Amino acid sequence: MSPTLGEYAGGITARLRSAAARMTARRRLGRERFVLAGREYGYEVRAYNQTWANERAVELALALDALRRHASGDVLELGNVLGHYVERRHDVVDKYERAPGVINCDVLDFHPGRRYSFVVSVSTLEHVGFEEEVADPGKPARVVDHLSRLLASGGEMLFTFPLGYNSALDEQVRAGSLPFSELSYMRRISSDNRWVEADGKELREVRYGEPYPSANALVVARLRAS
């Protein structure tokens, strides 16, 4: 049965209200700030991947801030993420995503013959060794160790990834078996995508996709080369 004129008009009105609500949420989040390790950041509200509704709002804020600080150095990214939001002028290794300038190889086979001042990765490590033909739970630690060897003296590594997505990786985080020198945690606290710094012990039962869509907790992992 075809919808009546009233039903059709009602559907349009509902969609317009929904779109207006999303726009309001985007604007509101764009005015908010979050704190990590005593430093304030603004949420990154971008159209691509609708970052106002998921963990990208936090991850991008952290990664792009660090990228700006290392703008004059050689930068390597694991996973082709940042190029969707800013002009990419750095090296990217991504085994699967095809894009101009992206190096498509397994990162463990990547031997550039030079070192980097900054290595960054946004929501990629949780897929390493997990979404492959043969599961390899130990691969994330080997990848971090491999990339740490590509850091120049005084270089920095920054990885962000969700808790609750890859249980084997979660256990390695809790056991301290990943070769990072510093771990911080963020927890989502509202449907409008606000986040706060958290204690890792509070996040043992966190679930991906519950109670809010996508990640409900993030690991912010750093390593600084001597």
Protein backbone atom coordinates (compact mmCIF):
# COMPACT_ATOMS: atom_id res chain seq x y z
CA MET A 1 0.00 0.00 0.00
CA SER A 2 1.38 3.40 -0.96
CA PRO A 3 1.86 5.94 1.83
CA THR A 4 -0.71 8.68 2.17
CA LEU A 5 0.27 12.29 1.59
CA GLY A 6 0.25 12.83 5.34
CA GLU A 7 2.49 9.83 5.96
CA TYR A 8 4.88 10.95 3.23
CA ALA A 9 5.05 14.47 4.65
CA GLY A 10 5.52 13.05 8.13
CA GLY A 11 8.45 10.98 6.93
CA ILE A 12 10.12 14.00 5.40
CA THR A 13 9.59 15.97 8.60
CA ALA A 14 11.12 13.19 10.69
CA ARG A 15 14.17 13.01 8.44
CA LEU A 16 14.62 16.78 8.59
CA ARG A 17 14.39 16.74 12.37
CA SER A 18 16.92 13.91 12.51
CA ALA A 19 19.32 15.81 10.25
CA ALA A 20 18.88 18.96 12.35
CA ALA A 21 19.58 16.98 15.52
CA ARG A 22 22.78 15.58 14.01
CA MET A 23 23.90 19.05 12.97
CA THR A 24 23.22 20.37 16.47
CA ALA A 25 25.22 17.50 17.99
CA ARG A 26 28.13 18.21 15.64
CA ARG A 27 28.19 21.88 16.52
CA ARG A 28 27.92 21.22 20.24
CA LEU A 29 30.76 18.69 20.25
CA GLY A 30 32.88 21.06 18.18
CA ARG A 31 32.73 23.55 21.05
CA GLU A 32 33.61 21.00 23.73
CA ARG A 33 37.05 19.96 24.93
CA PHE A 34 38.57 16.93 26.63
CA VAL A 35 41.61 16.48 28.84
CA LEU A 36 44.35 13.86 28.67
CA ALA A 37 47.45 13.90 30.88
CA GLY A 38 46.68 17.44 32.02
CA ARG A 39 46.38 18.85 28.50
CA GLU A 40 43.23 20.10 26.79
CA TYR A 41 42.23 19.18 23.25
CA GLY A 42 39.30 20.12 21.06
CA TYR A 43 37.26 17.30 19.57
CA GLU A 44 37.83 16.83 15.85
CA VAL A 45 34.43 17.07 14.12
CA ARG A 46 34.79 15.93 10.50
CA ALA A 47 32.33 14.77 7.85
CA TYR A 48 34.39 11.75 6.77
CA ASN A 49 33.44 8.79 8.97
CA GLN A 50 31.12 11.11 10.94
CA THR A 51 33.70 11.65 13.66
CA TRP A 52 31.27 13.53 15.91
CA ALA A 53 29.61 10.17 16.64
CA ASN A 54 32.60 7.95 17.42
CA GLU A 55 36.14 7.65 18.79
CA ARG A 56 37.70 9.41 15.81
CA ALA A 57 36.80 12.75 17.44
CA VAL A 58 39.38 11.98 20.14
CA GLU A 59 41.89 9.97 18.13
CA LEU A 60 42.22 12.60 15.42
CA ALA A 61 42.64 15.37 17.96
CA LEU A 62 45.58 13.55 19.54
CA ALA A 63 47.16 12.35 16.31
CA LEU A 64 46.87 15.62 14.40
CA ASP A 65 48.25 17.59 17.34
CA ALA A 66 51.29 15.31 17.43
CA LEU A 67 51.60 15.42 13.64
CA ARG A 68 51.79 19.22 13.75
CA ARG A 69 54.52 19.04 16.36
CA HIS A 70 56.54 16.75 14.11
CA ALA A 71 55.79 18.59 10.85
CA SER A 72 59.46 19.29 10.18
CA GLY A 73 60.57 15.67 10.63
CA ASP A 74 60.14 12.37 8.83
CA VAL A 75 56.81 10.76 9.71
CA LEU A 76 55.49 7.23 9.21
CA GLU A 77 51.88 6.17 9.63
CA LEU A 78 50.66 2.60 10.09
CA GLY A 79 47.21 2.40 8.49
CA ASN A 80 45.93 4.94 5.98
CA VAL A 81 43.76 7.14 8.22
CA LEU A 82 45.06 10.68 8.57
CA GLY A 83 45.17 11.24 4.82
CA HIS A 84 41.37 11.23 4.81
CA TYR A 85 41.38 14.37 6.94
CA VAL A 86 44.51 16.36 6.09
CA GLU A 87 46.92 16.65 3.19
CA ARG A 88 49.26 13.71 3.53
CA ARG A 89 52.95 14.52 3.31
CA HIS A 90 54.26 11.50 5.20
CA ASP A 91 54.91 7.82 4.50
CA VAL A 92 52.03 5.40 5.02
CA VAL A 93 52.16 1.61 5.24
CA ASP A 94 48.81 -0.13 4.84
CA LYS A 95 48.61 -3.77 3.84
CA TYR A 96 45.13 -3.54 2.33
CA GLU A 97 43.91 -0.02 1.52
CA ARG A 98 44.85 1.11 -1.98
CA ALA A 99 45.53 4.82 -2.38
CA PRO A 100 48.09 6.98 -4.19
CA GLY A 101 51.38 6.99 -2.33
CA VAL A 102 50.36 4.32 0.17
CA ILE A 103 52.85 1.48 0.56
CA ASN A 104 50.90 -1.78 0.39
CA CYS A 105 52.88 -4.38 2.30
CA ASP A 106 52.89 -6.15 5.61
CA VAL A 107 54.53 -3.70 8.00
CA LEU A 108 56.90 -6.41 9.25
CA ASP A 109 58.31 -6.53 5.73
CA PHE A 110 58.78 -2.76 5.62
CA HIS A 111 62.48 -1.83 5.75
CA PRO A 112 62.85 1.77 4.53
CA GLY A 113 66.55 2.14 5.25
CA ARG A 114 65.98 5.29 7.29
CA ARG A 115 64.54 6.37 10.60
CA TYR A 116 61.53 8.49 11.52
CA SER A 117 61.05 11.22 14.09
CA PHE A 118 57.40 10.25 14.54
CA VAL A 119 55.43 7.03 14.01
CA VAL A 120 51.65 7.24 14.35
CA SER A 121 48.74 4.85 14.06
CA VAL A 122 45.01 5.44 14.51
CA SER A 123 42.71 2.46 15.19
CA THR A 124 44.82 -0.01 13.24
CA LEU A 125 46.71 -2.14 15.76
CA GLU A 126 43.52 -3.94 16.85
CA HIS A 127 43.25 -5.40 13.32
CA VAL A 128 46.86 -6.60 13.13
CA GLY A 129 47.07 -10.38 13.43
CA PHE A 130 43.34 -10.48 14.15
CA GLU A 131 41.64 -10.02 10.78
CA GLU A 132 44.01 -12.16 8.76
CA GLU A 133 43.60 -15.60 7.21
CA VAL A 134 45.58 -17.16 10.05
CA ALA A 135 45.13 -15.49 13.43
CA ASP A 136 48.38 -14.33 15.00
CA PRO A 137 47.72 -12.86 18.47
CA GLY A 138 51.41 -12.10 19.03
CA LYS A 139 51.77 -9.98 15.92
CA PRO A 140 50.80 -6.59 17.43
CA ALA A 141 53.73 -6.75 19.87
CA ARG A 142 56.13 -7.67 17.06
CA VAL A 143 54.82 -4.78 14.95
CA VAL A 144 55.32 -2.27 17.75
CA ASP A 145 58.81 -3.59 18.39
CA HIS A 146 59.64 -3.42 14.66
CA LEU A 147 58.39 0.14 14.33
CA SER A 148 60.22 1.23 17.46
CA ARG A 149 63.44 0.23 15.72
CA LEU A 150 62.59 2.68 12.94
CA LEU A 151 62.50 5.62 15.36
CA ALA A 152 65.28 8.15 15.25
CA SER A 153 66.99 9.14 18.50
CA GLY A 154 64.50 11.19 20.48
CA GLY A 155 61.66 10.08 18.21
CA GLU A 156 58.12 9.45 19.35
CA MET A 157 55.48 6.82 18.67
CA LEU A 158 51.75 7.39 19.22
CA PHE A 159 49.16 4.63 18.76
CA THR A 160 45.46 4.83 19.54
CA PHE A 161 43.18 1.80 19.45
CA PRO A 162 39.92 0.65 21.06
CA LEU A 163 39.46 -1.70 23.95
CA GLY A 164 36.78 -4.36 23.63
CA TYR A 165 37.37 -5.09 19.95
CA ASN A 166 40.24 -7.60 20.02
CA SER A 167 40.23 -9.59 23.26
CA ALA A 168 43.76 -10.94 22.77
CA LEU A 169 45.12 -7.41 22.34
CA ASP A 170 43.14 -6.27 25.39
CA GLU A 171 44.81 -8.98 27.49
CA GLN A 172 48.24 -7.94 26.25
CA VAL A 173 47.51 -4.35 27.22
CA ARG A 174 46.47 -5.40 30.71
CA ALA A 175 49.47 -7.70 31.08
CA GLY A 176 51.85 -4.96 30.01
CA SER A 177 53.30 -7.18 27.29
CA LEU A 178 53.20 -4.60 24.49
CA PRO A 179 56.50 -2.70 24.17
CA PHE A 180 55.09 0.79 24.81
CA SER A 181 56.59 3.03 27.47
CA GLU A 182 53.36 4.81 28.42
CA LEU A 183 49.66 3.89 28.33
CA SER A 184 46.74 6.24 28.92
CA TYR A 185 43.03 5.52 28.64
CA MET A 186 39.92 7.39 27.53
CA ARG A 187 36.32 6.38 28.23
CA ARG A 188 33.18 7.52 26.44
CA ILE A 189 30.59 8.81 28.90
CA SER A 190 27.63 10.04 26.85
CA SER A 191 25.51 9.54 23.77
CA ASP A 192 26.73 12.90 22.45
CA ASN A 193 30.28 11.48 22.30
CA ARG A 194 32.03 13.12 25.23
CA TRP A 195 35.12 11.39 26.60
CA VAL A 196 37.11 11.50 29.84
CA GLU A 197 40.46 10.15 30.95
CA ALA A 198 40.10 6.86 32.81
CA ASP A 199 42.02 4.34 34.86
CA GLY A 200 42.72 1.19 32.86
CA LYS A 201 41.47 -0.93 35.77
CA GLU A 202 38.02 0.61 35.34
CA LEU A 203 37.80 -0.68 31.78
CA ARG A 204 38.18 -4.43 32.22
CA GLU A 205 34.58 -5.15 31.25
CA VAL A 206 34.28 -2.56 28.49
CA ARG A 207 32.45 -3.66 25.34
CA TYR A 208 32.84 -2.46 21.79
CA GLY A 209 29.53 -1.07 20.55
CA GLU A 210 27.88 -0.99 24.00
CA PRO A 211 26.34 1.12 25.39
CA TYR A 212 27.35 3.54 22.62
CA PRO A 213 28.18 2.78 18.97
CA SER A 214 31.78 1.84 18.05
CA ALA A 215 34.47 2.20 20.72
CA ASN A 216 33.54 2.91 24.33
CA ALA A 217 37.15 3.04 25.53
CA LEU A 218 40.48 3.89 23.93
CA VAL A 219 44.10 3.11 24.63
CA VAL A 220 46.54 5.95 23.96
CA ALA A 221 49.95 4.30 23.75
CA ARG A 222 53.27 6.12 23.47
CA LEU A 223 56.89 5.21 23.12
CA ARG A 224 59.82 7.63 23.13
CA ALA A 225 63.16 6.56 21.75
CA SER A 226 66.26 7.38 23.77
